Amino acid sequence: MFHSIQKGIDYVNSHSPEEIAKVIQPQFKETPLENITTIVERYQSQDTWKTDVVFEKDSFDLLQNILEEAGELSQRVSYEDLVTTEFARKAKKK
Protein backbone atom coordinates (compact mmCIF):
# COMPACT_ATOMS: atom_id res chain seq x y z
CA MET A 1 0.00 0.00 0.00
CA PHE A 2 2.72 2.50 0.91
CA HIS A 3 4.44 1.83 -2.44
CA SER A 4 1.29 2.86 -4.33
CA ILE A 5 0.91 5.98 -2.24
CA GLN A 6 4.57 6.84 -2.89
CA LYS A 7 3.99 6.50 -6.65
CA GLY A 8 1.15 9.02 -6.37
CA ILE A 9 3.33 11.38 -4.35
CA ASP A 10 6.11 11.09 -6.94
CA TYR A 11 3.61 11.84 -9.72
CA VAL A 12 2.20 15.03 -8.21
CA ASN A 13 5.70 16.27 -7.42
CA SER A 14 6.92 15.76 -10.99
CA HIS A 15 3.96 16.94 -13.09
CA SER A 16 2.32 20.27 -13.83
CA PRO A 17 -1.00 21.31 -12.33
CA GLU A 18 -2.57 20.93 -15.77
CA GLU A 19 -1.34 17.34 -16.12
CA ILE A 20 -2.51 16.44 -12.62
CA ALA A 21 -5.90 18.06 -13.19
CA LYS A 22 -6.46 16.03 -16.36
CA VAL A 23 -5.64 12.79 -14.54
CA ILE A 24 -7.95 13.43 -11.59
CA GLN A 25 -10.78 15.08 -13.55
CA PRO A 26 -12.82 11.81 -13.82
CA GLN A 27 -13.17 11.88 -10.03
CA PHE A 28 -14.74 15.35 -10.24
CA LYS A 29 -17.04 15.05 -13.25
CA GLU A 30 -19.14 18.09 -12.36
CA THR A 31 -16.13 20.40 -11.87
CA PRO A 32 -14.63 22.20 -14.88
CA LEU A 33 -11.02 21.33 -15.69
CA GLU A 34 -9.99 24.96 -15.17
CA ASN A 35 -11.29 24.87 -11.57
CA ILE A 36 -9.48 21.61 -10.84
CA THR A 37 -6.27 23.09 -12.25
CA THR A 38 -6.65 26.16 -10.01
CA ILE A 39 -7.14 23.94 -6.97
CA VAL A 40 -4.07 21.86 -7.83
CA GLU A 41 -2.04 25.06 -8.30
CA ARG A 42 -3.19 26.22 -4.85
CA TYR A 43 -2.12 22.94 -3.25
CA GLN A 44 1.30 23.23 -4.89
CA SER A 45 1.75 26.87 -3.83
CA GLN A 46 0.87 25.96 -0.21
CA ASP A 47 3.55 23.27 -0.30
CA THR A 48 0.82 20.80 0.69
CA TRP A 49 2.21 17.72 -1.05
CA LYS A 50 4.87 15.70 0.65
CA THR A 51 7.84 13.90 -0.89
CA ASP A 52 7.42 10.60 0.99
CA VAL A 53 4.83 8.59 2.93
CA VAL A 54 6.05 9.49 6.44
CA PHE A 55 3.66 12.04 7.98
CA GLU A 56 6.09 14.26 9.89
CA LYS A 57 5.09 16.77 12.56
CA ASP A 58 5.75 19.81 10.34
CA SER A 59 3.37 18.43 7.70
CA PHE A 60 0.77 17.75 10.37
CA ASP A 61 1.11 21.32 11.65
CA LEU A 62 0.81 22.69 8.10
CA LEU A 63 -2.39 20.67 7.59
CA GLN A 64 -3.85 22.03 10.83
CA ASN A 65 -2.90 25.58 9.79
CA ILE A 66 -4.71 25.18 6.46
CA LEU A 67 -7.78 23.70 8.16
CA GLU A 68 -7.82 26.53 10.71
CA GLU A 69 -7.53 29.19 8.00
CA ALA A 70 -10.44 27.55 6.16
CA GLY A 71 -12.54 27.62 9.34
CA GLU A 72 -12.76 23.82 9.43
CA LEU A 73 -10.73 23.20 12.60
CA SER A 74 -11.94 24.55 15.91
CA GLN A 75 -9.32 22.86 18.12
CA ARG A 76 -5.78 21.69 17.37
CA VAL A 77 -4.81 18.09 18.08
CA SER A 78 -1.49 16.82 19.41
CA TYR A 79 0.64 15.12 16.75
CA GLU A 80 1.88 12.57 19.27
CA ASP A 81 -1.69 11.61 20.25
CA LEU A 82 -2.94 11.16 16.70
CA VAL A 83 -0.12 10.09 14.38
CA THR A 84 2.05 7.00 14.24
CA THR A 85 4.78 6.73 11.62
CA GLU A 86 5.93 3.22 12.52
CA PHE A 87 4.55 1.44 9.45
CA ALA A 88 5.51 4.17 6.97
CA ARG A 89 9.08 4.26 8.27
CA LYS A 90 9.33 0.46 7.94
CA ALA A 91 8.01 0.60 4.38
CA LYS A 92 10.38 3.43 3.52
CA LYS A 93 13.39 1.29 4.56
CA LYS A 94 12.47 -1.46 2.06
PDB file of N, CA and C in Angstrom:
ATOM      1  N   MET A   1       0.812  -1.186   0.000  1.00  0.00           N
ATOM      2  CA  MET A   1       0.000   0.000   0.000  1.00  0.00           C
ATOM      3  C   MET A   1       0.864   1.262   0.000  1.00  0.00           C
ATOM      4  N   PHE A   2       1.888   1.299   0.839  1.00  0.00           N
ATOM      5  CA  PHE A   2       2.722   2.496   0.906  1.00  0.00           C
ATOM      6  C   PHE A   2       3.438   2.744  -0.414  1.00  0.00           C
ATOM      7  N   HIS A   3       3.775   1.669  -1.144  1.00  0.00           N
ATOM      8  CA  HIS A   3       4.436   1.826  -2.443  1.00  0.00           C
ATOM      9  C   HIS A   3       3.521   2.559  -3.424  1.00  0.00           C
ATOM     10  N   SER A   4       2.249   2.204  -3.435  1.00  0.00           N
ATOM     11  CA  SER A   4       1.285   2.856  -4.326  1.00  0.00           C
ATOM     12  C   SER A   4       1.108   4.317  -3.964  1.00  0.00           C
ATOM     13  N   ILE A   5       1.045   4.595  -2.684  1.00  0.00           N
ATOM     14  CA  ILE A   5       0.913   5.982  -2.242  1.00  0.00           C
ATOM     15  C   ILE A   5       2.152   6.774  -2.647  1.00  0.00           C
ATOM     16  N   GLN A   6       3.337   6.163  -2.503  1.00  0.00           N
ATOM     17  CA  GLN A   6       4.574   6.842  -2.889  1.00  0.00           C
ATOM     18  C   GLN A   6       4.584   7.148  -4.382  1.00  0.00           C
ATOM     19  N   LYS A   7       4.069   6.239  -5.204  1.00  0.00           N
ATOM     20  CA  LYS A   7       3.994   6.495  -6.648  1.00  0.00           C
ATOM     21  C   LYS A   7       3.128   7.720  -6.927  1.00  0.00           C
ATOM     22  N   GLY A   8       2.008   7.854  -6.205  1.00  0.00           N
ATOM     23  CA  GLY A   8       1.152   9.025  -6.366  1.00  0.00           C
ATOM     24  C   GLY A   8       1.856  10.303  -5.941  1.00  0.00           C
ATOM     25  N   ILE A   9       2.566  10.230  -4.835  1.00  0.00           N
ATOM     26  CA  ILE A   9       3.328  11.376  -4.352  1.00  0.00           C
ATOM     27  C   ILE A   9       4.378  11.783  -5.380  1.00  0.00           C
ATOM     28  N   ASP A  10       5.094  10.802  -5.924  1.00  0.00           N
ATOM     29  CA  ASP A  10       6.106  11.090  -6.941  1.00  0.00           C
ATOM     30  C   ASP A  10       5.478  11.748  -8.168  1.00  0.00           C
ATOM     31  N   TYR A  11       4.282  11.284  -8.549  1.00  0.00           N
ATOM     32  CA  TYR A  11       3.609  11.836  -9.723  1.00  0.00           C
ATOM     33  C   TYR A  11       3.261  13.310  -9.522  1.00  0.00           C
ATOM     34  N   VAL A  12       2.615  13.637  -8.402  1.00  0.00           N
ATOM     35  CA  VAL A  12       2.201  15.029  -8.214  1.00  0.00           C
ATOM     36  C   VAL A  12       3.389  15.962  -8.029  1.00  0.00           C
ATOM     37  N   ASN A  13       4.516  15.433  -7.585  1.00  0.00           N
ATOM     38  CA  ASN A  13       5.701  16.267  -7.423  1.00  0.00           C
ATOM     39  C   ASN A  13       6.515  16.408  -8.699  1.00  0.00           C
ATOM     40  N   SER A  14       6.148  15.693  -9.751  1.00  0.00           N
ATOM     41  CA  SER A  14       6.920  15.759 -10.992  1.00  0.00           C
ATOM     42  C   SER A  14       6.077  16.149 -12.206  1.00  0.00           C
ATOM     43  N   HIS A  15       4.825  16.556 -11.977  1.00  0.00           N
ATOM     44  CA  HIS A  15       3.956  16.944 -13.092  1.00  0.00           C
ATOM     45  C   HIS A  15       3.333  18.316 -12.838  1.00  0.00           C
ATOM     46  N   SER A  16       2.919  18.931 -13.915  1.00  0.00           N
ATOM     47  CA  SER A  16       2.323  20.267 -13.830  1.00  0.00           C
ATOM     48  C   SER A  16       0.895  20.187 -13.297  1.00  0.00           C
ATOM     49  N   PRO A  17       0.387  21.293 -12.783  1.00  0.00           N
ATOM     50  CA  PRO A  17      -1.003  21.310 -12.328  1.00  0.00           C
ATOM     51  C   PRO A  17      -1.985  20.892 -13.431  1.00  0.00           C
ATOM     52  N   GLU A  18      -1.698  21.294 -14.660  1.00  0.00           N
ATOM     53  CA  GLU A  18      -2.572  20.934 -15.773  1.00  0.00           C
ATOM     54  C   GLU A  18      -2.596  19.420 -15.996  1.00  0.00           C
ATOM     55  N   GLU A  19      -1.417  18.797 -15.940  1.00  0.00           N
ATOM     56  CA  GLU A  19      -1.339  17.344 -16.120  1.00  0.00           C
ATOM     57  C   GLU A  19      -2.062  16.613 -14.993  1.00  0.00           C
ATOM     58  N   ILE A  20      -1.860  17.062 -13.776  1.00  0.00           N
ATOM     59  CA  ILE A  20      -2.506  16.436 -12.622  1.00  0.00           C
ATOM     60  C   ILE A  20      -4.013  16.593 -12.724  1.00  0.00           C
ATOM     61  N   ALA A  21      -4.468  17.791 -13.075  1.00  0.00           N
ATOM     62  CA  ALA A  21      -5.903  18.056 -13.188  1.00  0.00           C
ATOM     63  C   ALA A  21      -6.559  17.134 -14.216  1.00  0.00           C
ATOM     64  N   LYS A  22      -5.908  16.916 -15.334  1.00  0.00           N
ATOM     65  CA  LYS A  22      -6.464  16.025 -16.362  1.00  0.00           C
ATOM     66  C   LYS A  22      -6.586  14.591 -15.845  1.00  0.00           C
ATOM     67  N   VAL A  23      -5.616  14.152 -15.068  1.00  0.00           N
ATOM     68  CA  VAL A  23      -5.640  12.785 -14.540  1.00  0.00           C
ATOM     69  C   VAL A  23      -6.750  12.600 -13.506  1.00  0.00           C
ATOM     70  N   ILE A  24      -6.959  13.595 -12.662  1.00  0.00           N
ATOM     71  CA  ILE A  24      -7.953  13.432 -11.588  1.00  0.00           C
ATOM     72  C   ILE A  24      -9.349  13.899 -11.987  1.00  0.00           C
ATOM     73  N   GLN A  25      -9.489  14.536 -13.135  1.00  0.00           N
ATOM     74  CA  GLN A  25     -10.783  15.077 -13.546  1.00  0.00           C
ATOM     75  C   GLN A  25     -11.919  14.045 -13.516  1.00  0.00           C
ATOM     76  N   PRO A  26     -11.712  12.773 -13.889  1.00  0.00           N
ATOM     77  CA  PRO A  26     -12.824  11.814 -13.824  1.00  0.00           C
ATOM     78  C   PRO A  26     -13.418  11.650 -12.419  1.00  0.00           C
ATOM     79  N   GLN A  27     -12.660  11.966 -11.401  1.00  0.00           N
ATOM     80  CA  GLN A  27     -13.169  11.876 -10.033  1.00  0.00           C
ATOM     81  C   GLN A  27     -14.047  13.074  -9.669  1.00  0.00           C
ATOM     82  N   PHE A  28     -14.001  14.106 -10.497  1.00  0.00           N
ATOM     83  CA  PHE A  28     -14.737  15.352 -10.242  1.00  0.00           C
ATOM     84  C   PHE A  28     -15.500  15.758 -11.497  1.00  0.00           C
ATOM     85  N   LYS A  29     -16.353  14.887 -11.967  1.00  0.00           N
ATOM     86  CA  LYS A  29     -17.036  15.051 -13.251  1.00  0.00           C
ATOM     87  C   LYS A  29     -17.803  16.359 -13.383  1.00  0.00           C
ATOM     88  N   GLU A  30     -18.322  16.881 -12.298  1.00  0.00           N
ATOM     89  CA  GLU A  30     -19.136  18.092 -12.362  1.00  0.00           C
ATOM     90  C   GLU A  30     -18.316  19.375 -12.215  1.00  0.00           C
ATOM     91  N   THR A  31     -16.999  19.231 -12.056  1.00  0.00           N
ATOM     92  CA  THR A  31     -16.131  20.399 -11.867  1.00  0.00           C
ATOM     93  C   THR A  31     -15.342  20.657 -13.143  1.00  0.00           C
ATOM     94  N   PRO A  32     -15.392  21.878 -13.660  1.00  0.00           N
ATOM     95  CA  PRO A  32     -14.634  22.198 -14.877  1.00  0.00           C
ATOM     96  C   PRO A  32     -13.127  21.990 -14.672  1.00  0.00           C
ATOM     97  N   LEU A  33     -12.459  21.582 -15.730  1.00  0.00           N
ATOM     98  CA  LEU A  33     -11.017  21.327 -15.690  1.00  0.00           C
ATOM     99  C   LEU A  33     -10.251  22.548 -15.192  1.00  0.00           C
ATOM    100  N   GLU A  34     -10.675  23.738 -15.587  1.00  0.00           N
ATOM    101  CA  GLU A  34      -9.989  24.959 -15.166  1.00  0.00           C
ATOM    102  C   GLU A  34     -10.035  25.116 -13.636  1.00  0.00           C
ATOM    103  N   ASN A  35     -11.172  24.770 -13.032  1.00  0.00           N
ATOM    104  CA  ASN A  35     -11.287  24.872 -11.574  1.00  0.00           C
ATOM    105  C   ASN A  35     -10.386  23.852 -10.876  1.00  0.00           C
ATOM    106  N   ILE A  36     -10.338  22.642 -11.414  1.00  0.00           N
ATOM    107  CA  ILE A  36      -9.478  21.606 -10.836  1.00  0.00           C
ATOM    108  C   ILE A  36      -8.024  22.049 -10.931  1.00  0.00           C
ATOM    109  N   THR A  37      -7.641  22.614 -12.063  1.00  0.00           N
ATOM    110  CA  THR A  37      -6.270  23.093 -12.252  1.00  0.00           C
ATOM    111  C   THR A  37      -5.938  24.173 -11.228  1.00  0.00           C
ATOM    112  N   THR A  38      -6.858  25.091 -10.998  1.00  0.00           N
ATOM    113  CA  THR A  38      -6.651  26.158 -10.007  1.00  0.00           C
ATOM    114  C   THR A  38      -6.463  25.572  -8.615  1.00  0.00           C
ATOM    115  N   ILE A  39      -7.254  24.576  -8.282  1.00  0.00           N
ATOM    116  CA  ILE A  39      -7.141  23.935  -6.965  1.00  0.00           C
ATOM    117  C   ILE A  39      -5.789  23.247  -6.817  1.00  0.00           C
ATOM    118  N   VAL A  40      -5.371  22.537  -7.859  1.00  0.00           N
ATOM    119  CA  VAL A  40      -4.067  21.861  -7.827  1.00  0.00           C
ATOM    120  C   VAL A  40      -2.948  22.890  -7.679  1.00  0.00           C
ATOM    121  N   GLU A  41      -3.046  24.004  -8.413  1.00  0.00           N
ATOM    122  CA  GLU A  41      -2.042  25.065  -8.295  1.00  0.00           C
ATOM    123  C   GLU A  41      -1.978  25.590  -6.858  1.00  0.00           C
ATOM    124  N   ARG A  42      -3.135  25.733  -6.234  1.00  0.00           N
ATOM    125  CA  ARG A  42      -3.186  26.222  -4.852  1.00  0.00           C
ATOM    126  C   ARG A  42      -2.493  25.240  -3.912  1.00  0.00           C
ATOM    127  N   TYR A  43      -2.782  23.951  -4.089  1.00  0.00           N
ATOM    128  CA  TYR A  43      -2.118  22.941  -3.248  1.00  0.00           C
ATOM    129  C   TYR A  43      -0.600  23.017  -3.416  1.00  0.00           C
ATOM    130  N   GLN A  44      -0.150  23.155  -4.662  1.00  0.00           N
ATOM    131  CA  GLN A  44       1.295  23.226  -4.885  1.00  0.00           C
ATOM    132  C   GLN A  44       1.890  24.488  -4.255  1.00  0.00           C
ATOM    133  N   SER A  45       1.209  25.620  -4.376  1.00  0.00           N
ATOM    134  CA  SER A  45       1.755  26.870  -3.828  1.00  0.00           C
ATOM    135  C   SER A  45       1.777  26.855  -2.302  1.00  0.00           C
ATOM    136  N   GLN A  46       0.888  26.079  -1.674  1.00  0.00           N
ATOM    137  CA  GLN A  46       0.871  25.957  -0.211  1.00  0.00           C
ATOM    138  C   GLN A  46       1.897  24.951   0.281  1.00  0.00           C
ATOM    139  N   ASP A  47       2.595  24.313  -0.640  1.00  0.00           N
ATOM    140  CA  ASP A  47       3.553  23.265  -0.297  1.00  0.00           C
ATOM    141  C   ASP A  47       2.857  22.148   0.479  1.00  0.00           C
ATOM    142  N   THR A  48       1.654  21.787   0.012  1.00  0.00           N
ATOM    143  CA  THR A  48       0.815  20.801   0.688  1.00  0.00           C
ATOM    144  C   THR A  48       1.315  19.386   0.460  1.00  0.00           C
ATOM    145  N   TRP A  49       1.820  19.095  -0.747  1.00  0.00           N
ATOM    146  CA  TRP A  49       2.211  17.722  -1.051  1.00  0.00           C
ATOM    147  C   TRP A  49       3.567  17.384  -0.478  1.00  0.00           C
ATOM    148  N   LYS A  50       3.644  16.201   0.035  1.00  0.00           N
ATOM    149  CA  LYS A  50       4.866  15.698   0.646  1.00  0.00           C
ATOM    150  C   LYS A  50       5.758  15.049  -0.411  1.00  0.00           C
ATOM    151  N   THR A  51       6.933  14.601   0.021  1.00  0.00           N
ATOM    152  CA  THR A  51       7.835  13.897  -0.886  1.00  0.00           C
ATOM    153  C   THR A  51       7.938  12.413  -0.552  1.00  0.00           C
ATOM    154  N   ASP A  52       7.418  12.026   0.629  1.00  0.00           N
ATOM    155  CA  ASP A  52       7.416  10.597   0.985  1.00  0.00           C
ATOM    156  C   ASP A  52       6.200  10.291   1.860  1.00  0.00           C
ATOM    157  N   VAL A  53       6.035   9.029   2.231  1.00  0.00           N
ATOM    158  CA  VAL A  53       4.829   8.587   2.935  1.00  0.00           C
ATOM    159  C   VAL A  53       4.858   8.815   4.448  1.00  0.00           C
ATOM    160  N   VAL A  54       5.968   9.261   4.994  1.00  0.00           N
ATOM    161  CA  VAL A  54       6.054   9.490   6.440  1.00  0.00           C
ATOM    162  C   VAL A  54       5.416  10.843   6.754  1.00  0.00           C
ATOM    163  N   PHE A  55       4.410  10.831   7.623  1.00  0.00           N
ATOM    164  CA  PHE A  55       3.664  12.041   7.978  1.00  0.00           C
ATOM    165  C   PHE A  55       4.343  12.710   9.168  1.00  0.00           C
ATOM    166  N   GLU A  56       5.285  13.597   8.865  1.00  0.00           N
ATOM    167  CA  GLU A  56       6.094  14.259   9.887  1.00  0.00           C
ATOM    168  C   GLU A  56       5.293  15.346  10.607  1.00  0.00           C
ATOM    169  N   LYS A  57       5.784  15.779  11.746  1.00  0.00           N
ATOM    170  CA  LYS A  57       5.088  16.774  12.560  1.00  0.00           C
ATOM    171  C   LYS A  57       4.902  18.093  11.816  1.00  0.00           C
ATOM    172  N   ASP A  58       5.901  18.538  11.057  1.00  0.00           N
ATOM    173  CA  ASP A  58       5.753  19.810  10.342  1.00  0.00           C
ATOM    174  C   ASP A  58       4.644  19.740   9.294  1.00  0.00           C
ATOM    175  N   SER A  59       4.467  18.598   8.662  1.00  0.00           N
ATOM    176  CA  SER A  59       3.373  18.427   7.702  1.00  0.00           C
ATOM    177  C   SER A  59       2.027  18.413   8.414  1.00  0.00           C
ATOM    178  N   PHE A  60       1.989  17.782   9.573  1.00  0.00           N
ATOM    179  CA  PHE A  60       0.770  17.747  10.374  1.00  0.00           C
ATOM    180  C   PHE A  60       0.386  19.165  10.813  1.00  0.00           C
ATOM    181  N   ASP A  61       1.368  19.939  11.245  1.00  0.00           N
ATOM    182  CA  ASP A  61       1.110  21.321  11.654  1.00  0.00           C
ATOM    183  C   ASP A  61       0.625  22.162  10.473  1.00  0.00           C
ATOM    184  N   LEU A  62       1.233  21.967   9.294  1.00  0.00           N
ATOM    185  CA  LEU A  62       0.806  22.687   8.097  1.00  0.00           C
ATOM    186  C   LEU A  62      -0.651  22.360   7.770  1.00  0.00           C
ATOM    187  N   LEU A  63      -1.012  21.084   7.846  1.00  0.00           N
ATOM    188  CA  LEU A  63      -2.391  20.674   7.590  1.00  0.00           C
ATOM    189  C   LEU A  63      -3.346  21.354   8.574  1.00  0.00           C
ATOM    190  N   GLN A  64      -2.988  21.379   9.835  1.00  0.00           N
ATOM    191  CA  GLN A  64      -3.846  22.027  10.827  1.00  0.00           C
ATOM    192  C   GLN A  64      -3.953  23.532  10.558  1.00  0.00           C
ATOM    193  N   ASN A  65      -2.861  24.151  10.130  1.00  0.00           N
ATOM    194  CA  ASN A  65      -2.900  25.580   9.787  1.00  0.00           C
ATOM    195  C   ASN A  65      -3.882  25.844   8.653  1.00  0.00           C
ATOM    196  N   ILE A  66      -3.821  25.016   7.621  1.00  0.00           N
ATOM    197  CA  ILE A  66      -4.710  25.176   6.464  1.00  0.00           C
ATOM    198  C   ILE A  66      -6.162  24.979   6.883  1.00  0.00           C
ATOM    199  N   LEU A  67      -6.419  23.953   7.696  1.00  0.00           N
ATOM    200  CA  LEU A  67      -7.782  23.696   8.161  1.00  0.00           C
ATOM    201  C   LEU A  67      -8.293  24.824   9.049  1.00  0.00           C
ATOM    202  N   GLU A  68      -7.429  25.392   9.873  1.00  0.00           N
ATOM    203  CA  GLU A  68      -7.819  26.529  10.709  1.00  0.00           C
ATOM    204  C   GLU A  68      -8.169  27.741   9.853  1.00  0.00           C
ATOM    205  N   GLU A  69      -7.312  28.041   8.880  1.00  0.00           N
ATOM    206  CA  GLU A  69      -7.533  29.188   7.996  1.00  0.00           C
ATOM    207  C   GLU A  69      -8.828  29.044   7.213  1.00  0.00           C
ATOM    208  N   ALA A  70      -9.205  27.810   6.908  1.00  0.00           N
ATOM    209  CA  ALA A  70     -10.445  27.555   6.165  1.00  0.00           C
ATOM    210  C   ALA A  70     -11.665  27.536   7.086  1.00  0.00           C
ATOM    211  N   GLY A  71     -11.435  27.645   8.387  1.00  0.00           N
ATOM    212  CA  GLY A  71     -12.538  27.622   9.336  1.00  0.00           C
ATOM    213  C   GLY A  71     -13.091  26.235   9.595  1.00  0.00           C
ATOM    214  N   GLU A  72     -12.309  25.206   9.290  1.00  0.00           N
ATOM    215  CA  GLU A  72     -12.757  23.820   9.433  1.00  0.00           C
ATOM    216  C   GLU A  72     -12.205  23.128  10.676  1.00  0.00           C
ATOM    217  N   LEU A  73     -11.331  23.800  11.409  1.00  0.00           N
ATOM    218  CA  LEU A  73     -10.729  23.196  12.595  1.00  0.00           C
ATOM    219  C   LEU A  73     -10.914  24.134  13.772  1.00  0.00           C
ATOM    220  N   SER A  74     -11.662  23.686  14.760  1.00  0.00           N
ATOM    221  CA  SER A  74     -11.936  24.546  15.912  1.00  0.00           C
ATOM    222  C   SER A  74     -10.946  24.321  17.053  1.00  0.00           C
ATOM    223  N   GLN A  75     -10.278  23.160  17.055  1.00  0.00           N
ATOM    224  CA  GLN A  75      -9.324  22.855  18.124  1.00  0.00           C
ATOM    225  C   GLN A  75      -8.182  22.030  17.560  1.00  0.00           C
ATOM    226  N   ARG A  76      -6.953  22.435  17.842  1.00  0.00           N
ATOM    227  CA  ARG A  76      -5.781  21.690  17.365  1.00  0.00           C
ATOM    228  C   ARG A  76      -5.638  20.386  18.143  1.00  0.00           C
ATOM    229  N   VAL A  77      -5.013  19.411  17.495  1.00  0.00           N
ATOM    230  CA  VAL A  77      -4.811  18.090  18.078  1.00  0.00           C
ATOM    231  C   VAL A  77      -3.310  17.842  18.181  1.00  0.00           C
ATOM    232  N   SER A  78      -2.897  17.147  19.211  1.00  0.00           N
ATOM    233  CA  SER A  78      -1.492  16.818  19.413  1.00  0.00           C
ATOM    234  C   SER A  78      -1.046  15.772  18.389  1.00  0.00           C
ATOM    235  N   TYR A  79       0.057  16.053  17.720  1.00  0.00           N
ATOM    236  CA  TYR A  79       0.642  15.120  16.749  1.00  0.00           C
ATOM    237  C   TYR A  79       0.911  13.770  17.403  1.00  0.00           C
ATOM    238  N   GLU A  80       1.503  13.799  18.576  1.00  0.00           N
ATOM    239  CA  GLU A  80       1.884  12.567  19.269  1.00  0.00           C
ATOM    240  C   GLU A  80       0.669  11.708  19.636  1.00  0.00           C
ATOM    241  N   ASP A  81      -0.474  12.354  19.890  1.00  0.00           N
ATOM    242  CA  ASP A  81      -1.686  11.614  20.254  1.00  0.00           C
ATOM    243  C   ASP A  81      -2.404  11.021  19.053  1.00  0.00           C
ATOM    244  N   LEU A  82      -2.152  11.554  17.863  1.00  0.00           N
ATOM    245  CA  LEU A  82      -2.942  11.156  16.699  1.00  0.00           C
ATOM    246  C   LEU A  82      -2.171  10.375  15.637  1.00  0.00           C
ATOM    247  N   VAL A  83      -0.883  10.629  15.509  1.00  0.00           N
ATOM    248  CA  VAL A  83      -0.117  10.090  14.381  1.00  0.00           C
ATOM    249  C   VAL A  83       0.892   9.044  14.837  1.00  0.00           C
ATOM    250  N   THR A  84       0.966   7.958  14.081  1.00  0.00           N
ATOM    251  CA  THR A  84       2.055   7.001  14.238  1.00  0.00           C
ATOM    252  C   THR A  84       2.732   6.844  12.879  1.00  0.00           C
ATOM    253  N   THR A  85       4.037   6.856  12.875  1.00  0.00           N
ATOM    254  CA  THR A  85       4.778   6.727  11.619  1.00  0.00           C
ATOM    255  C   THR A  85       5.493   5.381  11.512  1.00  0.00           C
ATOM    256  N   GLU A  86       5.236   4.505  12.445  1.00  0.00           N
ATOM    257  CA  GLU A  86       5.934   3.220  12.521  1.00  0.00           C
ATOM    258  C   GLU A  86       5.892   2.449  11.202  1.00  0.00           C
ATOM    259  N   PHE A  87       4.709   2.286  10.646  1.00  0.00           N
ATOM    260  CA  PHE A  87       4.552   1.445   9.454  1.00  0.00           C
ATOM    261  C   PHE A  87       5.138   2.130   8.216  1.00  0.00           C
ATOM    262  N   ALA A  88       4.950   3.440   8.104  1.00  0.00           N
ATOM    263  CA  ALA A  88       5.508   4.174   6.972  1.00  0.00           C
ATOM    264  C   ALA A  88       7.028   4.163   6.995  1.00  0.00           C
ATOM    265  N   ARG A  89       7.608   4.290   8.172  1.00  0.00           N
ATOM    266  CA  ARG A  89       9.076   4.256   8.273  1.00  0.00           C
ATOM    267  C   ARG A  89       9.620   2.884   7.901  1.00  0.00           C
ATOM    268  N   LYS A  90       8.911   1.822   8.314  1.00  0.00           N
ATOM    269  CA  LYS A  90       9.335   0.462   7.943  1.00  0.00           C
ATOM    270  C   LYS A  90       9.254   0.268   6.432  1.00  0.00           C
ATOM    271  N   ALA A  91       8.178   0.744   5.831  1.00  0.00           N
ATOM    272  CA  ALA A  91       8.008   0.603   4.380  1.00  0.00           C
ATOM    273  C   ALA A  91       9.049   1.430   3.624  1.00  0.00           C
ATOM    274  N   LYS A  92       9.394   2.560   4.150  1.00  0.00           N
ATOM    275  CA  LYS A  92      10.378   3.432   3.520  1.00  0.00           C
ATOM    276  C   LYS A  92      11.759   2.778   3.482  1.00  0.00           C
ATOM    277  N   LYS A  93      12.080   1.959   4.482  1.00  0.00           N
ATOM    278  CA  LYS A  93      13.385   1.289   4.561  1.00  0.00           C
ATOM    279  C   LYS A  93      13.532   0.193   3.519  1.00  0.00           C
ATOM    280  N   LYS A  94      12.413  -0.333   3.008  1.00  0.00           N
ATOM    281  CA  LYS A  94      12.468  -1.455   2.065  1.00  0.00           C
ATOM    282  C   LYS A  94      12.930  -1.017   0.695  1.00  0.00           C
TER     283      LYS A  94
END
